Amino acid sequence: MDDRLIVALDVPNALAGLNLVEKLGDSVGFYKIGLGMLTGGGLALANELKQEHGKRIFLDMKLFDIGATVEAAVRGLAQFDLDFLTVHGDPHVVRAAKEGAAGSGLKILGVTILTSLDRADLDQAMIKPGDLSEIVTTRAARAFDAGADGVIASPREAALIRALPEATGRLIITPGVRPAGSEAGDQKRIETPATAIANGADHIVVGRPIWQAADPRQAAEGILAQLPAH
């Protein structure tokens, strides 16, 4: 299995998620479970896929709160023996998350700027003016300085982040990946799987193009076939 592909289980509940995993079989070894499935048995599914099916799990919670609360939340999540967890890339959040994950194998990933946002969205949110890619790169560097094991960024910023001295030995995970000819959906800063990896991403996250496909396994294998050799 090529773990560079992470399939987003953006389906309503754990039963639908398990059904998709069974369809994908041994073609996919890494799955993302996010907030959308949290009330539909997401944590139970994460644990089942990890412990009983040998899958790697990326828990996409994007935690943001005061340090003590983030640390406590991450300490609780770390007991599930999962692989990746997202928090907002703000340095105080990253530092607290790393404290909570201490002693476990859970890697903390800082979110830079969501791939569904563009400059107009940042203006509405009163985020400082300037080039979006520069803001993403600066947030990534600060997250790394705070101890993040990796960052989440669009494929368009992956090369800039990979070039940072702070990025040595750290992970870059890119959502906003769409195979050629796919619908963009709610993503705005997108690239193809091959471009994302070529730009320095360690993992790509793909959801709709796989779970909406008539044959999800064929769709996943098609994406894997597009990735450059290791």
C-alpha atoms as a PDB file:
ATOM      1  CA  MET A   1       0.000   0.000   0.000  1.00  0.00           C
ATOM      2  CA  ASP A   2       1.204   3.498  -0.870  1.00  0.00           C
ATOM      3  CA  ASP A   3       0.484   5.543   2.254  1.00  0.00           C
ATOM      4  CA  ARG A   4       1.103   8.801   0.420  1.00  0.00           C
ATOM      5  CA  LEU A   5      -2.626   8.695  -0.376  1.00  0.00           C
ATOM      6  CA  ILE A   6      -4.889   9.461   2.593  1.00  0.00           C
ATOM      7  CA  VAL A   7      -8.575   8.922   1.867  1.00  0.00           C
ATOM      8  CA  ALA A   8     -10.927  11.317   3.637  1.00  0.00           C
ATOM      9  CA  LEU A   9     -13.888   9.426   5.090  1.00  0.00           C
ATOM     10  CA  ASP A  10     -16.210  12.417   4.706  1.00  0.00           C
ATOM     11  CA  VAL A  11     -19.301  10.227   4.946  1.00  0.00           C
ATOM     12  CA  PRO A  12     -22.177  10.593   7.438  1.00  0.00           C
ATOM     13  CA  ASN A  13     -21.373   7.869   9.939  1.00  0.00           C
ATOM     14  CA  ALA A  14     -19.133   4.981  10.942  1.00  0.00           C
ATOM     15  CA  LEU A  15     -21.186   2.382   9.074  1.00  0.00           C
ATOM     16  CA  ALA A  16     -20.826   4.281   5.794  1.00  0.00           C
ATOM     17  CA  GLY A  17     -17.135   4.744   6.553  1.00  0.00           C
ATOM     18  CA  LEU A  18     -16.575   1.050   7.196  1.00  0.00           C
ATOM     19  CA  ASN A  19     -18.457   0.212   4.010  1.00  0.00           C
ATOM     20  CA  LEU A  20     -16.152   2.469   2.001  1.00  0.00           C
ATOM     21  CA  VAL A  21     -13.052   0.998   3.653  1.00  0.00           C
ATOM     22  CA  GLU A  22     -14.236  -2.488   2.714  1.00  0.00           C
ATOM     23  CA  LYS A  23     -14.729  -1.402  -0.915  1.00  0.00           C
ATOM     24  CA  LEU A  24     -11.208   0.051  -1.020  1.00  0.00           C
ATOM     25  CA  GLY A  25      -9.712  -3.084   0.547  1.00  0.00           C
ATOM     26  CA  ASP A  26      -5.940  -3.327   0.501  1.00  0.00           C
ATOM     27  CA  SER A  27      -5.558  -0.519  -2.051  1.00  0.00           C
ATOM     28  CA  VAL A  28      -5.619   2.127   0.727  1.00  0.00           C
ATOM     29  CA  GLY A  29      -3.866   2.004   4.082  1.00  0.00           C
ATOM     30  CA  PHE A  30      -4.370   5.525   5.462  1.00  0.00           C
ATOM     31  CA  TYR A  31      -7.664   7.251   6.309  1.00  0.00           C
ATOM     32  CA  LYS A  32      -8.732  10.691   7.547  1.00  0.00           C
ATOM     33  CA  ILE A  33     -11.648  11.040   9.956  1.00  0.00           C
ATOM     34  CA  GLY A  34     -12.864  14.557  10.643  1.00  0.00           C
ATOM     35  CA  LEU A  35     -15.406  16.598  12.561  1.00  0.00           C
ATOM     36  CA  GLY A  36     -18.218  15.736  10.159  1.00  0.00           C
ATOM     37  CA  MET A  37     -18.240  12.155  11.424  1.00  0.00           C
ATOM     38  CA  LEU A  38     -17.489  12.867  15.073  1.00  0.00           C
ATOM     39  CA  THR A  39     -21.126  12.488  16.178  1.00  0.00           C
ATOM     40  CA  GLY A  40     -21.586   9.531  13.816  1.00  0.00           C
ATOM     41  CA  GLY A  41     -19.150   7.240  15.611  1.00  0.00           C
ATOM     42  CA  GLY A  42     -15.953   8.717  14.173  1.00  0.00           C
ATOM     43  CA  LEU A  43     -13.704   7.981  17.157  1.00  0.00           C
ATOM     44  CA  ALA A  44     -15.001   4.422  17.427  1.00  0.00           C
ATOM     45  CA  LEU A  45     -14.366   3.916  13.715  1.00  0.00           C
ATOM     46  CA  ALA A  46     -10.861   5.363  14.019  1.00  0.00           C
ATOM     47  CA  ASN A  47     -10.088   2.904  16.795  1.00  0.00           C
ATOM     48  CA  GLU A  48     -11.593  -0.046  14.909  1.00  0.00           C
ATOM     49  CA  LEU A  49      -9.700   0.717  11.693  1.00  0.00           C
ATOM     50  CA  LYS A  50      -6.442   1.086  13.605  1.00  0.00           C
ATOM     51  CA  GLN A  51      -6.707  -1.870  15.955  1.00  0.00           C
ATOM     52  CA  GLU A  52      -8.645  -4.420  13.886  1.00  0.00           C
ATOM     53  CA  HIS A  53      -7.801  -3.522  10.283  1.00  0.00           C
ATOM     54  CA  GLY A  54      -4.215  -2.273  10.651  1.00  0.00           C
ATOM     55  CA  LYS A  55      -4.937   1.059   8.972  1.00  0.00           C
ATOM     56  CA  ARG A  56      -3.173   4.327   9.731  1.00  0.00           C
ATOM     57  CA  ILE A  57      -5.469   7.094  10.980  1.00  0.00           C
ATOM     58  CA  PHE A  58      -5.391  10.861  10.578  1.00  0.00           C
ATOM     59  CA  LEU A  59      -7.804  12.500  13.028  1.00  0.00           C
ATOM     60  CA  ASP A  60      -8.724  15.886  11.573  1.00  0.00           C
ATOM     61  CA  MET A  61     -10.083  17.838  14.563  1.00  0.00           C
ATOM     62  CA  LYS A  62      -8.414  21.246  13.939  1.00  0.00           C
ATOM     63  CA  LEU A  63      -8.355  21.936  17.662  1.00  0.00           C
ATOM     64  CA  PHE A  64      -8.221  25.541  18.824  1.00  0.00           C
ATOM     65  CA  ASP A  65      -8.578  26.750  22.424  1.00  0.00           C
ATOM     66  CA  ILE A  66      -6.532  27.936  25.369  1.00  0.00           C
ATOM     67  CA  GLY A  67      -3.399  25.921  25.949  1.00  0.00           C
ATOM     68  CA  ALA A  68      -4.603  23.924  28.954  1.00  0.00           C
ATOM     69  CA  THR A  69      -7.739  22.797  27.135  1.00  0.00           C
ATOM     70  CA  VAL A  70      -5.855  21.797  23.984  1.00  0.00           C
ATOM     71  CA  GLU A  71      -3.298  19.875  26.038  1.00  0.00           C
ATOM     72  CA  ALA A  72      -6.035  17.989  27.898  1.00  0.00           C
ATOM     73  CA  ALA A  73      -7.928  17.186  24.683  1.00  0.00           C
ATOM     74  CA  VAL A  74      -4.810  15.897  22.946  1.00  0.00           C
ATOM     75  CA  ARG A  75      -3.791  13.819  25.946  1.00  0.00           C
ATOM     76  CA  GLY A  76      -7.189  12.132  25.786  1.00  0.00           C
ATOM     77  CA  LEU A  77      -6.963  11.531  22.040  1.00  0.00           C
ATOM     78  CA  ALA A  78      -3.383  10.237  22.280  1.00  0.00           C
ATOM     79  CA  GLN A  79      -4.588   7.166  24.176  1.00  0.00           C
ATOM     80  CA  PHE A  80      -6.227   5.856  20.980  1.00  0.00           C
ATOM     81  CA  ASP A  81      -2.803   5.170  19.398  1.00  0.00           C
ATOM     82  CA  LEU A  82      -3.644   7.085  16.213  1.00  0.00           C
ATOM     83  CA  ASP A  83      -1.135   8.573  13.784  1.00  0.00           C
ATOM     84  CA  PHE A  84      -1.894  12.217  12.911  1.00  0.00           C
ATOM     85  CA  LEU A  85      -3.944  14.944  14.632  1.00  0.00           C
ATOM     86  CA  THR A  86      -4.594  18.459  13.347  1.00  0.00           C
ATOM     87  CA  VAL A  87      -4.644  21.598  15.460  1.00  0.00           C
ATOM     88  CA  HIS A  88      -4.647  25.222  14.392  1.00  0.00           C
ATOM     89  CA  GLY A  89      -1.111  26.283  13.532  1.00  0.00           C
ATOM     90  CA  ASP A  90      -0.969  29.085  16.113  1.00  0.00           C
ATOM     91  CA  PRO A  91       2.215  28.562  18.162  1.00  0.00           C
ATOM     92  CA  HIS A  92       0.473  28.434  21.575  1.00  0.00           C
ATOM     93  CA  VAL A  93      -1.899  25.730  20.280  1.00  0.00           C
ATOM     94  CA  VAL A  94       0.900  23.672  18.737  1.00  0.00           C
ATOM     95  CA  ARG A  95       3.006  23.823  21.896  1.00  0.00           C
ATOM     96  CA  ALA A  96       0.070  22.717  24.052  1.00  0.00           C
ATOM     97  CA  ALA A  97      -0.781  19.892  21.654  1.00  0.00           C
ATOM     98  CA  LYS A  98       2.799  18.620  21.706  1.00  0.00           C
ATOM     99  CA  GLU A  99       2.659  18.556  25.517  1.00  0.00           C
ATOM    100  CA  GLY A 100      -0.564  16.555  25.357  1.00  0.00           C
ATOM    101  CA  ALA A 101       0.907  14.097  22.855  1.00  0.00           C
ATOM    102  CA  ALA A 102       4.134  13.575  24.836  1.00  0.00           C
ATOM    103  CA  GLY A 103       5.042   9.925  25.234  1.00  0.00           C
ATOM    104  CA  SER A 104       2.795   8.790  22.372  1.00  0.00           C
ATOM    105  CA  GLY A 105       3.375   8.271  18.658  1.00  0.00           C
ATOM    106  CA  LEU A 106       0.727  10.846  17.724  1.00  0.00           C
ATOM    107  CA  LYS A 107       2.080  13.429  15.277  1.00  0.00           C
ATOM    108  CA  ILE A 108       0.764  16.986  15.603  1.00  0.00           C
ATOM    109  CA  LEU A 109      -0.003  18.797  12.350  1.00  0.00           C
ATOM    110  CA  GLY A 110      -0.575  22.554  12.286  1.00  0.00           C
ATOM    111  CA  VAL A 111      -3.238  23.952   9.953  1.00  0.00           C
ATOM    112  CA  THR A 112      -1.946  26.992   8.072  1.00  0.00           C
ATOM    113  CA  ILE A 113      -4.825  28.441   5.992  1.00  0.00           C
ATOM    114  CA  LEU A 114      -7.748  26.228   4.950  1.00  0.00           C
ATOM    115  CA  THR A 115      -7.601  25.206   1.281  1.00  0.00           C
ATOM    116  CA  SER A 116     -11.225  26.320   0.882  1.00  0.00           C
ATOM    117  CA  LEU A 117     -10.228  29.963   1.542  1.00  0.00           C
ATOM    118  CA  ASP A 118      -8.823  32.638  -0.727  1.00  0.00           C
ATOM    119  CA  ARG A 119      -7.676  36.224  -0.165  1.00  0.00           C
ATOM    120  CA  ALA A 120     -11.235  37.592  -0.178  1.00  0.00           C
ATOM    121  CA  ASP A 121     -12.157  35.156   2.607  1.00  0.00           C
ATOM    122  CA  LEU A 122      -9.153  36.261   4.657  1.00  0.00           C
ATOM    123  CA  ASP A 123     -10.191  39.896   4.221  1.00  0.00           C
ATOM    124  CA  GLN A 124     -13.644  39.087   5.586  1.00  0.00           C
ATOM    125  CA  ALA A 125     -12.052  37.354   8.558  1.00  0.00           C
ATOM    126  CA  MET A 126      -9.833  40.417   9.166  1.00  0.00           C
ATOM    127  CA  ILE A 127      -6.645  38.417   8.575  1.00  0.00           C
ATOM    128  CA  LYS A 128      -3.674  40.674   7.874  1.00  0.00           C
ATOM    129  CA  PRO A 129      -3.306  41.901   4.281  1.00  0.00           C
ATOM    130  CA  GLY A 130      -0.678  40.407   2.014  1.00  0.00           C
ATOM    131  CA  ASP A 131      -0.033  37.532  -0.326  1.00  0.00           C
ATOM    132  CA  LEU A 132      -1.839  34.399   0.829  1.00  0.00           C
ATOM    133  CA  SER A 133       1.057  32.072   0.046  1.00  0.00           C
ATOM    134  CA  GLU A 134       3.417  34.232   2.135  1.00  0.00           C
ATOM    135  CA  ILE A 135       1.005  34.098   5.087  1.00  0.00           C
ATOM    136  CA  VAL A 136       0.747  30.305   4.754  1.00  0.00           C
ATOM    137  CA  THR A 137       4.541  29.933   4.599  1.00  0.00           C
ATOM    138  CA  THR A 138       5.077  32.167   7.619  1.00  0.00           C
ATOM    139  CA  ARG A 139       2.424  30.294   9.627  1.00  0.00           C
ATOM    140  CA  ALA A 140       4.085  27.011   8.675  1.00  0.00           C
ATOM    141  CA  ALA A 141       7.497  28.241   9.848  1.00  0.00           C
ATOM    142  CA  ARG A 142       6.043  29.393  13.169  1.00  0.00           C
ATOM    143  CA  ALA A 143       4.213  26.098  13.639  1.00  0.00           C
ATOM    144  CA  PHE A 144       7.459  24.206  13.017  1.00  0.00           C
ATOM    145  CA  ASP A 145       9.301  26.469  15.479  1.00  0.00           C
ATOM    146  CA  ALA A 146       6.613  25.634  18.070  1.00  0.00           C
ATOM    147  CA  GLY A 147       7.293  21.914  17.568  1.00  0.00           C
ATOM    148  CA  ALA A 148       4.757  20.793  14.947  1.00  0.00           C
ATOM    149  CA  ASP A 149       5.612  17.460  13.341  1.00  0.00           C
ATOM    150  CA  GLY A 150       4.071  18.719  10.106  1.00  0.00           C
ATOM    151  CA  VAL A 151       1.653  21.176   8.562  1.00  0.00           C
ATOM    152  CA  ILE A 152      -1.475  21.151   6.435  1.00  0.00           C
ATOM    153  CA  ALA A 153      -1.296  23.388   3.372  1.00  0.00           C
ATOM    154  CA  SER A 154      -2.572  23.520  -0.170  1.00  0.00           C
ATOM    155  CA  PRO A 155      -0.464  21.904  -2.905  1.00  0.00           C
ATOM    156  CA  ARG A 156       0.220  25.391  -4.241  1.00  0.00           C
ATOM    157  CA  GLU A 157       2.204  26.300  -1.121  1.00  0.00           C
ATOM    158  CA  ALA A 158       3.915  22.939  -0.593  1.00  0.00           C
ATOM    159  CA  ALA A 159       7.080  23.862  -2.508  1.00  0.00           C
ATOM    160  CA  LEU A 160       7.485  27.144  -0.595  1.00  0.00           C
ATOM    161  CA  ILE A 161       7.085  25.339   2.719  1.00  0.00           C
ATOM    162  CA  ARG A 162       9.408  22.488   1.719  1.00  0.00           C
ATOM    163  CA  ALA A 163      12.101  25.109   0.989  1.00  0.00           C
ATOM    164  CA  LEU A 164      11.977  26.435   4.576  1.00  0.00           C
ATOM    165  CA  PRO A 165      14.980  25.493   6.747  1.00  0.00           C
ATOM    166  CA  GLU A 166      12.483  24.689   9.514  1.00  0.00           C
ATOM    167  CA  ALA A 167      10.766  22.108   7.274  1.00  0.00           C
ATOM    168  CA  THR A 168      13.683  19.673   7.309  1.00  0.00           C
ATOM    169  CA  GLY A 169      12.421  16.330   8.572  1.00  0.00           C
ATOM    170  CA  ARG A 170       8.858  17.622   8.924  1.00  0.00           C
ATOM    171  CA  LEU A 171       5.694  16.499   7.127  1.00  0.00           C
ATOM    172  CA  ILE A 172       3.603  18.387   4.588  1.00  0.00           C
ATOM    173  CA  ILE A 173       0.075  17.080   4.057  1.00  0.00           C
ATOM    174  CA  THR A 174      -2.000  18.552   1.252  1.00  0.00           C
ATOM    175  CA  PRO A 175      -5.771  18.529   0.940  1.00  0.00           C
ATOM    176  CA  GLY A 176      -7.222  20.392  -2.044  1.00  0.00           C
ATOM    177  CA  VAL A 177      -6.002  17.625  -4.359  1.00  0.00           C
ATOM    178  CA  ARG A 178      -8.137  16.816  -7.380  1.00  0.00           C
ATOM    179  CA  PRO A 179      -7.342  14.377 -10.213  1.00  0.00           C
ATOM    180  CA  ALA A 180      -7.473  15.988 -13.667  1.00  0.00           C
ATOM    181  CA  GLY A 181     -11.073  16.447 -14.754  1.00  0.00           C
ATOM    182  CA  SER A 182     -12.532  16.303 -11.225  1.00  0.00           C
ATOM    183  CA  GLU A 183     -14.934  18.863  -9.772  1.00  0.00           C
ATOM    184  CA  ALA A 184     -13.271  21.377  -7.449  1.00  0.00           C
ATOM    185  CA  GLY A 185     -16.140  21.133  -4.947  1.00  0.00           C
ATOM    186  CA  ASP A 186     -15.618  23.552  -2.047  1.00  0.00           C
ATOM    187  CA  GLN A 187     -11.862  23.744  -2.603  1.00  0.00           C
ATOM    188  CA  LYS A 188     -10.293  26.851  -4.145  1.00  0.00           C
ATOM    189  CA  ARG A 189      -6.520  26.255  -4.116  1.00  0.00           C
ATOM    190  CA  ILE A 190      -6.228  22.893  -5.869  1.00  0.00           C
ATOM    191  CA  GLU A 191      -3.667  20.879  -7.849  1.00  0.00           C
ATOM    192  CA  THR A 192      -3.390  17.350  -9.227  1.00  0.00           C
ATOM    193  CA  PRO A 193      -1.993  14.487  -7.091  1.00  0.00           C
ATOM    194  CA  ALA A 194       1.251  14.296  -9.061  1.00  0.00           C
ATOM    195  CA  THR A 195       1.831  18.059  -8.765  1.00  0.00           C
ATOM    196  CA  ALA A 196       1.235  17.993  -5.014  1.00  0.00           C
ATOM    197  CA  ILE A 197       3.850  15.257  -4.471  1.00  0.00           C
ATOM    198  CA  ALA A 198       6.282  16.898  -6.886  1.00  0.00           C
ATOM    199  CA  ASN A 199       5.890  20.147  -4.929  1.00  0.00           C
ATOM    200  CA  GLY A 200       7.095  18.476  -1.749  1.00  0.00           C
ATOM    201  CA  ALA A 201       4.001  16.982  -0.123  1.00  0.00           C
ATOM    202  CA  ASP A 202       4.506  13.766   1.849  1.00  0.00           C
ATOM    203  CA  HIS A 203       0.817  12.866   1.779  1.00  0.00           C
ATOM    204  CA  ILE A 204      -2.191  13.942  -0.271  1.00  0.00           C
ATOM    205  CA  VAL A 205      -5.734  13.886   1.107  1.00  0.00           C
ATOM    206  CA  VAL A 206      -8.509  12.982  -1.320  1.00  0.00           C
ATOM    207  CA  GLY A 207     -12.194  12.587  -0.475  1.00  0.00           C
ATOM    208  CA  ARG A 208     -15.010  13.222  -2.954  1.00  0.00           C
ATOM    209  CA  PRO A 209     -13.227  12.002  -6.109  1.00  0.00           C
ATOM    210  CA  ILE A 210     -12.965   8.608  -4.391  1.00  0.00           C
ATOM    211  CA  TRP A 211     -16.093   8.170  -2.284  1.00  0.00           C
ATOM    212  CA  GLN A 212     -18.401   9.691  -4.905  1.00  0.00           C
ATOM    213  CA  ALA A 213     -16.988   7.450  -7.638  1.00  0.00           C
ATOM    214  CA  ALA A 214     -19.054   4.574  -9.041  1.00  0.00           C
ATOM    215  CA  ASP A 215     -16.055   2.344  -8.252  1.00  0.00           C
ATOM    216  CA  PRO A 216     -14.119   3.860  -5.312  1.00  0.00           C
ATOM    217  CA  ARG A 217     -11.315   1.294  -5.469  1.00  0.00           C
ATOM    218  CA  GLN A 218     -10.730   1.972  -9.159  1.00  0.00           C
ATOM    219  CA  ALA A 219     -10.715   5.722  -8.433  1.00  0.00           C
ATOM    220  CA  ALA A 220      -8.159   5.296  -5.627  1.00  0.00           C
ATOM    221  CA  GLU A 221      -5.934   3.079  -7.752  1.00  0.00           C
ATOM    222  CA  GLY A 222      -6.160   5.614 -10.574  1.00  0.00           C
ATOM    223  CA  ILE A 223      -4.904   8.357  -8.260  1.00  0.00           C
ATOM    224  CA  LEU A 224      -2.101   6.161  -6.933  1.00  0.00           C
ATOM    225  CA  ALA A 225      -1.035   5.425 -10.518  1.00  0.00           C
ATOM    226  CA  GLN A 226      -0.585   9.164 -11.093  1.00  0.00           C
ATOM    227  CA  LEU A 227       1.909   9.578  -8.242  1.00  0.00           C
ATOM    228  CA  PRO A 228       5.602   9.775  -9.116  1.00  0.00           C
ATOM    229  CA  ALA A 229       7.766   6.865  -7.991  1.00  0.00           C
ATOM    230  CA  HIS A 230       9.087   7.036  -4.426  1.00  0.00           C
END
